Amino acid sequence: MKKFFEEFKAFAMRGNVIDMAVGVVIGGAFGKITTSIVNDIIMPFIGVLTGGVNFGDWKWVLKEAVANAEGVIDPATEVAITYGNTIAIIIDFIIIAFAVFCMVKGINSMRTKAEALKKKEEEAAAEEAPAAPPAPTAEELLTEIRDLLKNK
């Protein structure tokens, strides 16, 4: 059992698992921001364009709400398909997908520019470095060894 917990600890403390957890938390916060932008900024404009209609009110009522014993209509008893809310969520998804696309495109662009800059620096360094003298041939090495032995 101890080995199991040690393996779990090693797994949980790996860098990519922690990075993924941070991404999920930030993604959740980003989702809340985009939901607010859609519900509080974009949907009112769309409501104006559609004649003041609130998408949240769009629904197909399958069963009307009924009155309780006091004669008050209880909205919780209504059965409806709220397709307007689905439209708002689809718009929310499109905005999130577009934002992620722009972010990934920007990151890829920066990565490409960084790689091109690195390649240019490597080429400049290669041009500046003096050419190495040619290595001696086997015959030259043997001649040098012979001369050293002769001098001994």
C-alpha atoms as a PDB file:
ATOM      1  CA  MET A   1       0.000   0.000   0.000  1.00  0.00           C
ATOM      2  CA  LYS A   2       2.892   2.342   0.787  1.00  0.00           C
ATOM      3  CA  LYS A   3       4.360   1.749  -2.672  1.00  0.00           C
ATOM      4  CA  PHE A   4       0.996   2.620  -4.220  1.00  0.00           C
ATOM      5  CA  PHE A   5       0.941   6.021  -2.474  1.00  0.00           C
ATOM      6  CA  GLU A   6       4.582   6.643  -3.417  1.00  0.00           C
ATOM      7  CA  GLU A   7       3.738   5.960  -7.067  1.00  0.00           C
ATOM      8  CA  PHE A   8       0.706   8.236  -6.835  1.00  0.00           C
ATOM      9  CA  LYS A   9       2.812  11.005  -5.291  1.00  0.00           C
ATOM     10  CA  ALA A  10       5.424  10.648  -8.056  1.00  0.00           C
ATOM     11  CA  PHE A  11       2.645  10.802 -10.659  1.00  0.00           C
ATOM     12  CA  ALA A  12       0.894  13.807  -9.115  1.00  0.00           C
ATOM     13  CA  MET A  13       4.099  15.790  -8.697  1.00  0.00           C
ATOM     14  CA  ARG A  14       5.246  15.403 -12.287  1.00  0.00           C
ATOM     15  CA  GLY A  15       5.442  18.713 -14.101  1.00  0.00           C
ATOM     16  CA  ASN A  16       2.937  17.975 -16.857  1.00  0.00           C
ATOM     17  CA  VAL A  17       0.218  16.918 -14.374  1.00  0.00           C
ATOM     18  CA  ILE A  18       0.640  20.138 -12.414  1.00  0.00           C
ATOM     19  CA  ASP A  19       0.673  22.158 -15.647  1.00  0.00           C
ATOM     20  CA  MET A  20      -2.543  20.453 -16.712  1.00  0.00           C
ATOM     21  CA  ALA A  21      -4.181  21.226 -13.351  1.00  0.00           C
ATOM     22  CA  VAL A  22      -3.215  24.890 -13.683  1.00  0.00           C
ATOM     23  CA  GLY A  23      -4.640  24.886 -17.216  1.00  0.00           C
ATOM     24  CA  VAL A  24      -7.945  23.435 -16.015  1.00  0.00           C
ATOM     25  CA  VAL A  25      -8.268  26.046 -13.250  1.00  0.00           C
ATOM     26  CA  ILE A  26      -7.417  28.913 -15.607  1.00  0.00           C
ATOM     27  CA  GLY A  27      -9.738  27.430 -18.237  1.00  0.00           C
ATOM     28  CA  GLY A  28     -12.595  27.414 -15.724  1.00  0.00           C
ATOM     29  CA  ALA A  29     -11.975  31.050 -14.880  1.00  0.00           C
ATOM     30  CA  PHE A  30     -11.717  31.907 -18.583  1.00  0.00           C
ATOM     31  CA  GLY A  31     -15.041  30.128 -19.157  1.00  0.00           C
ATOM     32  CA  LYS A  32     -16.695  32.296 -16.514  1.00  0.00           C
ATOM     33  CA  ILE A  33     -15.316  35.436 -18.153  1.00  0.00           C
ATOM     34  CA  THR A  34     -16.576  34.469 -21.599  1.00  0.00           C
ATOM     35  CA  THR A  35     -19.953  33.440 -20.199  1.00  0.00           C
ATOM     36  CA  SER A  36     -20.247  36.860 -18.601  1.00  0.00           C
ATOM     37  CA  ILE A  37     -19.212  38.567 -21.847  1.00  0.00           C
ATOM     38  CA  VAL A  38     -21.781  36.570 -23.802  1.00  0.00           C
ATOM     39  CA  ASN A  39     -24.641  36.987 -21.296  1.00  0.00           C
ATOM     40  CA  ASP A  40     -23.969  40.571 -20.217  1.00  0.00           C
ATOM     41  CA  ILE A  41     -22.575  42.214 -23.356  1.00  0.00           C
ATOM     42  CA  ILE A  42     -23.203  40.254 -26.568  1.00  0.00           C
ATOM     43  CA  MET A  43     -26.662  38.815 -25.929  1.00  0.00           C
ATOM     44  CA  PRO A  44     -28.251  42.224 -25.159  1.00  0.00           C
ATOM     45  CA  PHE A  45     -27.002  43.469 -28.564  1.00  0.00           C
ATOM     46  CA  ILE A  46     -28.397  40.379 -30.240  1.00  0.00           C
ATOM     47  CA  GLY A  47     -31.646  40.934 -28.315  1.00  0.00           C
ATOM     48  CA  VAL A  48     -31.834  44.479 -29.718  1.00  0.00           C
ATOM     49  CA  LEU A  49     -31.194  43.174 -33.235  1.00  0.00           C
ATOM     50  CA  THR A  50     -33.956  40.586 -32.800  1.00  0.00           C
ATOM     51  CA  GLY A  51     -36.462  43.145 -31.510  1.00  0.00           C
ATOM     52  CA  GLY A  52     -35.750  43.048 -27.777  1.00  0.00           C
ATOM     53  CA  VAL A  53     -36.102  39.296 -27.457  1.00  0.00           C
ATOM     54  CA  ASN A  54     -34.180  37.678 -24.614  1.00  0.00           C
ATOM     55  CA  PHE A  55     -32.800  34.298 -25.709  1.00  0.00           C
ATOM     56  CA  GLY A  56     -33.166  33.018 -22.167  1.00  0.00           C
ATOM     57  CA  ASP A  57     -36.948  33.341 -22.557  1.00  0.00           C
ATOM     58  CA  TRP A  58     -37.081  31.248 -25.731  1.00  0.00           C
ATOM     59  CA  LYS A  59     -38.537  27.857 -24.939  1.00  0.00           C
ATOM     60  CA  TRP A  60     -40.978  25.214 -26.052  1.00  0.00           C
ATOM     61  CA  VAL A  61     -43.382  24.485 -23.254  1.00  0.00           C
ATOM     62  CA  LEU A  62     -44.258  20.802 -23.122  1.00  0.00           C
ATOM     63  CA  LYS A  63     -46.382  21.058 -19.960  1.00  0.00           C
ATOM     64  CA  GLU A  64     -47.681  24.297 -18.485  1.00  0.00           C
ATOM     65  CA  ALA A  65     -46.926  25.207 -14.875  1.00  0.00           C
ATOM     66  CA  VAL A  66     -49.745  24.314 -12.490  1.00  0.00           C
ATOM     67  CA  ALA A  67     -51.105  26.177  -9.493  1.00  0.00           C
ATOM     68  CA  ASN A  68     -50.392  24.847  -6.033  1.00  0.00           C
ATOM     69  CA  ALA A  69     -52.962  24.483  -3.224  1.00  0.00           C
ATOM     70  CA  GLU A  70     -52.953  28.248  -2.521  1.00  0.00           C
ATOM     71  CA  GLY A  71     -53.719  29.011  -6.171  1.00  0.00           C
ATOM     72  CA  VAL A  72     -50.220  30.365  -6.882  1.00  0.00           C
ATOM     73  CA  ILE A  73     -48.611  29.157 -10.108  1.00  0.00           C
ATOM     74  CA  ASP A  74     -45.458  27.205  -9.331  1.00  0.00           C
ATOM     75  CA  PRO A  75     -42.944  27.720 -12.201  1.00  0.00           C
ATOM     76  CA  ALA A  76     -40.983  24.676 -11.041  1.00  0.00           C
ATOM     77  CA  THR A  77     -43.795  22.447 -12.293  1.00  0.00           C
ATOM     78  CA  GLU A  78     -43.388  23.670 -15.876  1.00  0.00           C
ATOM     79  CA  VAL A  79     -41.718  21.285 -18.317  1.00  0.00           C
ATOM     80  CA  ALA A  80     -40.026  23.122 -21.193  1.00  0.00           C
ATOM     81  CA  ILE A  81     -37.202  22.849 -23.665  1.00  0.00           C
ATOM     82  CA  THR A  82     -35.175  26.036 -23.229  1.00  0.00           C
ATOM     83  CA  TYR A  83     -33.552  26.256 -26.651  1.00  0.00           C
ATOM     84  CA  GLY A  84     -32.745  29.961 -26.175  1.00  0.00           C
ATOM     85  CA  ASN A  85     -30.309  29.049 -23.413  1.00  0.00           C
ATOM     86  CA  THR A  86     -28.739  26.509 -25.774  1.00  0.00           C
ATOM     87  CA  ILE A  87     -28.267  29.221 -28.401  1.00  0.00           C
ATOM     88  CA  ALA A  88     -26.509  31.398 -25.806  1.00  0.00           C
ATOM     89  CA  ILE A  89     -24.240  28.501 -24.816  1.00  0.00           C
ATOM     90  CA  ILE A  90     -23.381  27.813 -28.482  1.00  0.00           C
ATOM     91  CA  ILE A  91     -22.416  31.473 -28.933  1.00  0.00           C
ATOM     92  CA  ASP A  92     -20.386  31.191 -25.740  1.00  0.00           C
ATOM     93  CA  PHE A  93     -18.578  28.135 -27.159  1.00  0.00           C
ATOM     94  CA  ILE A  94     -17.841  29.892 -30.456  1.00  0.00           C
ATOM     95  CA  ILE A  95     -16.309  32.847 -28.613  1.00  0.00           C
ATOM     96  CA  ILE A  96     -14.169  30.563 -26.427  1.00  0.00           C
ATOM     97  CA  ALA A  97     -13.061  28.528 -29.459  1.00  0.00           C
ATOM     98  CA  PHE A  98     -12.156  31.725 -31.335  1.00  0.00           C
ATOM     99  CA  ALA A  99     -10.195  33.086 -28.374  1.00  0.00           C
ATOM    100  CA  VAL A 100      -8.275  29.810 -27.969  1.00  0.00           C
ATOM    101  CA  PHE A 101      -7.610  29.727 -31.733  1.00  0.00           C
ATOM    102  CA  CYS A 102      -6.201  33.275 -31.636  1.00  0.00           C
ATOM    103  CA  MET A 103      -4.080  32.440 -28.596  1.00  0.00           C
ATOM    104  CA  VAL A 104      -2.630  29.266 -30.193  1.00  0.00           C
ATOM    105  CA  LYS A 105      -2.050  31.097 -33.477  1.00  0.00           C
ATOM    106  CA  GLY A 106      -0.174  33.860 -31.625  1.00  0.00           C
ATOM    107  CA  ILE A 107       1.938  31.366 -29.689  1.00  0.00           C
ATOM    108  CA  ASN A 108       2.801  29.463 -32.884  1.00  0.00           C
ATOM    109  CA  SER A 109       3.722  32.731 -34.600  1.00  0.00           C
ATOM    110  CA  MET A 110       6.022  33.720 -31.735  1.00  0.00           C
ATOM    111  CA  ARG A 111       7.577  30.232 -31.737  1.00  0.00           C
ATOM    112  CA  THR A 112       8.226  30.437 -35.493  1.00  0.00           C
ATOM    113  CA  LYS A 113       9.821  33.884 -35.131  1.00  0.00           C
ATOM    114  CA  ALA A 114      11.964  32.678 -32.215  1.00  0.00           C
ATOM    115  CA  GLU A 115      13.155  29.651 -34.207  1.00  0.00           C
ATOM    116  CA  ALA A 116      13.987  31.851 -37.221  1.00  0.00           C
ATOM    117  CA  LEU A 117      15.921  34.265 -34.978  1.00  0.00           C
ATOM    118  CA  LYS A 118      17.824  31.394 -33.369  1.00  0.00           C
ATOM    119  CA  LYS A 119      18.684  29.953 -36.788  1.00  0.00           C
ATOM    120  CA  LYS A 120      19.884  33.368 -37.982  1.00  0.00           C
ATOM    121  CA  GLU A 121      22.077  33.750 -34.878  1.00  0.00           C
ATOM    122  CA  GLU A 122      23.548  30.272 -35.385  1.00  0.00           C
ATOM    123  CA  GLU A 123      24.323  31.079 -39.034  1.00  0.00           C
ATOM    124  CA  ALA A 124      25.968  34.369 -38.026  1.00  0.00           C
ATOM    125  CA  ALA A 125      28.049  32.579 -35.383  1.00  0.00           C
ATOM    126  CA  ALA A 126      29.099  29.950 -37.938  1.00  0.00           C
ATOM    127  CA  GLU A 127      30.202  32.664 -40.373  1.00  0.00           C
ATOM    128  CA  GLU A 128      32.199  34.484 -37.693  1.00  0.00           C
ATOM    129  CA  ALA A 129      33.990  31.369 -36.444  1.00  0.00           C
ATOM    130  CA  PRO A 130      37.337  30.893 -38.179  1.00  0.00           C
ATOM    131  CA  ALA A 131      37.669  27.803 -40.280  1.00  0.00           C
ATOM    132  CA  ALA A 132      39.465  25.009 -38.480  1.00  0.00           C
ATOM    133  CA  PRO A 133      42.836  24.115 -39.952  1.00  0.00           C
ATOM    134  CA  PRO A 134      42.715  20.964 -42.007  1.00  0.00           C
ATOM    135  CA  ALA A 135      43.487  17.811 -40.103  1.00  0.00           C
ATOM    136  CA  PRO A 136      46.838  16.215 -40.890  1.00  0.00           C
ATOM    137  CA  THR A 137      46.775  13.255 -43.201  1.00  0.00           C
ATOM    138  CA  ALA A 138      47.845   9.806 -42.121  1.00  0.00           C
ATOM    139  CA  GLU A 139      51.095  10.184 -44.056  1.00  0.00           C
ATOM    140  CA  GLU A 140      51.924  13.455 -42.269  1.00  0.00           C
ATOM    141  CA  LEU A 141      51.249  11.863 -38.881  1.00  0.00           C
ATOM    142  CA  LEU A 142      53.430   8.870 -39.700  1.00  0.00           C
ATOM    143  CA  THR A 143      56.213  11.157 -40.902  1.00  0.00           C
ATOM    144  CA  GLU A 144      56.040  13.168 -37.675  1.00  0.00           C
ATOM    145  CA  ILE A 145      56.146   9.980 -35.556  1.00  0.00           C
ATOM    146  CA  ARG A 146      59.131   8.722 -37.545  1.00  0.00           C
ATOM    147  CA  ASP A 147      60.970  11.996 -37.042  1.00  0.00           C
ATOM    148  CA  LEU A 148      60.276  11.956 -33.266  1.00  0.00           C
ATOM    149  CA  LEU A 149      61.571   8.403 -33.024  1.00  0.00           C
ATOM    150  CA  LYS A 150      64.612   9.284 -35.066  1.00  0.00           C
ATOM    151  CA  ASN A 151      65.479  12.141 -32.706  1.00  0.00           C
ATOM    152  CA  LYS A 152      65.413   9.899 -29.657  1.00  0.00           C
END
